[in-house]
Protein backbone atom coordinates (compact mmCIF):
# COMPACT_ATOMS: atom_id res chain seq x y z
CA MET A 1 -58.87 -6.14 52.31
CA ARG A 2 -57.12 -4.99 55.45
CA ARG A 3 -53.56 -6.16 55.60
CA SER A 4 -51.39 -5.60 58.68
CA ILE A 5 -47.89 -4.47 57.79
CA SER A 6 -45.10 -4.62 60.37
CA ILE A 7 -42.77 -1.68 59.98
CA LEU A 8 -39.66 -1.02 62.01
CA ILE A 9 -39.57 2.72 62.55
CA LEU A 10 -36.12 4.02 63.39
CA GLY A 11 -36.09 7.64 64.42
CA ALA A 12 -39.20 8.60 62.46
CA ALA A 13 -39.75 11.53 64.77
CA GLY A 14 -36.31 12.83 63.85
CA LEU A 15 -37.13 13.16 60.18
CA THR A 16 -38.56 16.63 60.66
CA ALA A 17 -35.22 17.84 61.97
CA PHE A 18 -33.65 17.30 58.57
CA ALA A 19 -36.20 19.61 56.96
CA ALA A 20 -34.74 22.69 58.71
CA PRO A 21 -33.16 25.11 56.24
CA ALA A 22 -29.37 25.06 56.00
CA LEU A 23 -27.23 28.20 56.26
CA ALA A 24 -26.70 29.69 52.84
CA ALA A 25 -25.33 32.75 51.14
CA PRO A 26 -27.80 35.60 50.54
CA PRO A 27 -30.01 34.68 47.59
CA ASP A 28 -29.55 36.27 44.17
CA SER A 29 -32.48 38.67 43.86
CA SER A 30 -32.70 38.00 40.12
CA VAL A 31 -33.45 34.30 40.67
CA PRO A 32 -36.60 33.27 42.58
CA PRO A 33 -35.75 31.02 45.56
CA GLU A 34 -36.58 27.32 45.36
CA THR A 35 -39.29 26.21 47.77
CA THR A 36 -38.97 22.78 49.38
CA VAL A 37 -41.45 23.07 52.25
CA ALA A 38 -45.09 23.81 51.57
CA ASP A 39 -47.77 25.48 53.64
CA ASP A 40 -49.82 22.66 55.22
CA SER A 41 -52.93 24.78 54.85
CA ALA A 42 -52.62 24.99 51.06
CA PRO A 43 -55.59 23.28 49.37
CA LEU A 44 -55.00 20.29 47.14
CA GLU A 45 -55.66 20.68 43.44
CA THR A 46 -58.80 18.99 42.16
CA GLU A 47 -57.11 17.97 38.90
CA PRO A 48 -53.81 16.12 38.39
CA VAL A 49 -50.80 18.29 37.64
CA GLY A 50 -49.59 16.27 34.68
CA THR A 51 -48.86 12.81 33.38
CA GLY A 52 -45.73 10.72 33.32
CA ALA A 53 -42.45 12.59 33.02
CA THR A 54 -44.25 15.94 32.48
CA ALA A 55 -45.60 16.01 36.04
CA GLU A 56 -44.82 19.13 38.06
CA LEU A 57 -43.88 19.16 41.73
CA SER A 58 -45.46 22.20 43.32
CA PRO A 59 -46.11 23.40 46.88
CA ALA A 60 -49.52 24.58 45.65
CA ASN A 61 -50.57 20.93 45.45
CA GLY A 62 -50.07 20.42 49.19
CA PRO A 63 -47.18 19.70 51.56
CA ILE A 64 -43.98 18.35 50.02
CA ALA A 65 -42.37 15.37 51.77
CA ILE A 66 -38.58 15.28 51.47
CA VAL A 67 -36.89 11.87 51.17
CA LEU A 68 -33.45 11.92 52.82
CA ASP A 69 -30.58 9.47 52.61
CA GLU A 70 -28.60 8.23 55.63
CA SER A 71 -26.33 11.29 55.53
CA GLY A 72 -29.28 13.69 55.57
CA SER A 73 -28.98 14.72 51.91
CA GLU A 74 -32.12 15.07 49.80
CA ASN A 75 -32.84 12.11 47.54
CA ALA A 76 -36.33 13.01 46.35
CA ALA A 77 -39.44 15.05 47.02
CA ILE A 78 -43.04 13.82 46.99
CA SER A 79 -46.24 15.84 46.79
CA VAL A 80 -49.89 14.82 46.54
CA ALA A 81 -51.58 16.39 43.52
CA LYS A 82 -55.04 14.88 43.86
CA VAL A 83 -57.11 12.99 46.46
CA GLU A 84 -60.20 11.04 45.37
CA PRO A 85 -62.15 9.39 48.21
CA ALA A 86 -64.73 6.73 47.24
CA TRP A 87 -63.10 6.56 43.78
CA THR A 88 -65.30 4.76 41.21
CA GLU A 89 -63.59 5.24 37.83
CA PHE A 90 -61.95 1.79 37.93
CA GLY A 91 -62.11 -0.65 35.04
CA GLU A 92 -64.39 -3.65 34.83
CA GLY A 93 -63.13 -6.53 36.94
CA SER A 94 -61.30 -4.23 39.38
CA GLU A 95 -64.20 -3.56 41.75
CA PRO A 96 -63.43 -3.31 45.48
CA ALA A 97 -64.63 -6.12 47.75
CA SER A 98 -68.05 -5.86 49.34
CA GLY A 99 -67.97 -3.41 52.24
CA TYR A 100 -64.88 -1.70 50.87
CA GLU A 101 -64.19 1.30 48.65
CA TYR A 102 -61.18 2.84 46.94
CA LEU A 103 -59.17 5.89 47.94
CA ARG A 104 -57.15 7.14 44.98
CA LEU A 105 -54.15 9.46 45.26
CA THR A 106 -52.12 11.07 42.50
CA VAL A 107 -48.58 11.68 43.73
CA VAL A 108 -45.72 13.49 42.03
CA ILE A 109 -42.18 12.30 42.75
CA GLU A 110 -39.11 14.36 41.86
CA SER A 111 -35.58 12.94 42.05
CA ARG A 112 -33.10 15.19 43.83
CA SER A 113 -30.25 12.70 43.76
CA PRO A 114 -27.23 14.32 42.07
CA ARG A 115 -25.78 10.95 41.05
CA GLY A 116 -27.42 7.68 40.15
CA LEU A 117 -31.12 6.92 39.98
CA PHE A 118 -33.97 7.27 42.44
CA ASP A 119 -36.30 4.27 42.21
CA VAL A 120 -39.93 4.55 43.26
CA ASP A 121 -42.75 1.99 43.15
CA TYR A 122 -46.43 1.98 44.07
CA ASN A 123 -45.55 -0.60 46.76
CA ASP A 124 -43.58 2.14 48.58
CA PHE A 125 -46.83 3.70 49.85
CA ILE A 126 -49.10 2.59 52.69
CA LEU A 127 -52.26 4.00 54.24
CA GLN A 128 -53.35 4.00 57.88
CA ASP A 129 -57.04 4.32 58.69
CA ALA A 130 -58.75 5.90 61.72
CA ASP A 131 -58.86 2.48 63.43
CA GLY A 132 -55.07 2.17 63.19
CA PHE A 133 -55.00 -0.51 60.48
CA VAL A 134 -52.60 -0.18 57.55
CA THR A 135 -52.95 -1.36 53.99
CA GLY A 136 -50.66 -1.35 50.97
CA ALA A 137 -51.33 0.35 47.66
CA GLU A 138 -52.82 -1.59 44.75
CA VAL A 139 -52.63 -1.32 40.97
CA VAL A 140 -56.15 -0.49 39.80
CA PRO A 141 -56.47 0.60 36.16
CA THR A 142 -59.10 3.14 35.15
CA ALA A 143 -61.98 2.20 32.84
CA GLU A 144 -60.27 4.33 30.17
CA GLN A 145 -57.00 2.42 30.55
CA VAL A 146 -58.79 -0.93 30.33
CA ALA A 147 -60.63 0.15 27.17
CA ALA A 148 -57.35 1.32 25.59
CA GLU A 149 -55.45 -1.75 26.85
CA GLU A 150 -53.03 0.66 28.52
CA GLU A 151 -50.94 -0.36 31.51
CA PRO A 152 -50.86 2.14 34.39
CA ILE A 153 -47.49 3.55 35.48
CA VAL A 154 -46.50 1.63 38.62
CA GLU A 155 -42.76 2.35 38.97
CA ALA A 156 -40.00 4.61 37.74
CA SER A 157 -36.23 5.12 37.87
CA LEU A 158 -35.59 8.85 37.89
CA THR A 159 -32.45 10.84 37.16
CA ASN A 160 -31.77 14.11 38.98
CA ALA A 161 -34.62 16.64 38.56
CA GLN A 162 -36.76 14.15 36.62
CA THR A 163 -40.34 13.71 37.82
CA VAL A 164 -43.06 11.11 37.49
CA GLU A 165 -46.72 11.01 38.43
CA LEU A 166 -48.13 7.83 39.99
CA ALA A 167 -51.79 7.08 40.65
CA ILE A 168 -51.93 4.88 43.74
CA THR A 169 -55.06 3.21 45.04
CA PHE A 170 -55.96 1.88 48.49
CA GLU A 171 -58.88 -0.40 49.32
CA THR A 172 -60.44 0.93 52.53
CA VAL A 173 -63.32 -0.16 54.74
CA THR A 174 -66.44 1.83 53.84
CA GLY A 175 -67.21 4.32 56.59
CA VAL A 176 -63.74 4.21 58.17
CA ALA A 177 -61.87 7.44 57.47
CA PRO A 178 -58.28 7.39 56.21
CA ARG A 179 -55.80 8.96 58.62
CA ALA A 180 -52.47 9.23 56.80
CA VAL A 181 -50.48 8.05 53.80
CA PHE A 182 -46.81 7.17 54.26
CA TYR A 183 -43.82 6.57 52.03
CA ALA A 184 -42.19 3.37 53.36
CA PRO A 185 -39.70 1.95 50.86
CA ASP A 186 -38.08 -0.33 53.45
CA ALA A 187 -38.37 -1.43 57.07
CA GLU A 188 -36.22 1.45 58.32
CA ARG A 189 -38.03 4.45 56.85
CA LEU A 190 -41.51 5.89 57.34
CA LEU A 191 -42.23 9.35 55.92
CA THR A 192 -45.62 11.06 56.09
CA VAL A 193 -46.78 12.03 52.61
CA LEU A 194 -50.31 13.15 53.52
CA ASP A 195 -51.87 13.71 56.96
CA MET A 196 -55.66 13.52 56.75
CA GLY A 197 -56.21 13.91 60.49
């Protein structure tokens, strides 16, 4: 169902300023440079890039959203590996409400925090539709997970350079296009993960 979520956005427009490259020494030609910003025109993969801790963060999967802390340092990076509109592979008993359908995203999160843990949860993601309404993510197991009595991964605490893949599901009004998916772990941050126009 549609759920309105009030979010205090402080300087969301300024987030892109932090993505500018910092001055650095000339790169070592023997080591390929690390890429942190992806080409927005790159197509999304049609298959997930991995499962659990073996997931791979890659610009080829689509744009990479950089999560910054209050000092502007990188805490994590998020990319979308797979988008499944009108998703129907849910388990029995997890059907969407009448007049609604599921949008399923597979996201890869990489910790870039040099000290401590980076915590991520499916509740950190919200979707806005073309009518301007927002809805939170839901835990919807696949039919395969239900048959195997397997719990889906819904949260993780990541050490530096560790990655995790989360499958997040949104219940959307049938016929109303999704506009964007955001990472919103608290009332003071809103970061675009996927812009669907």
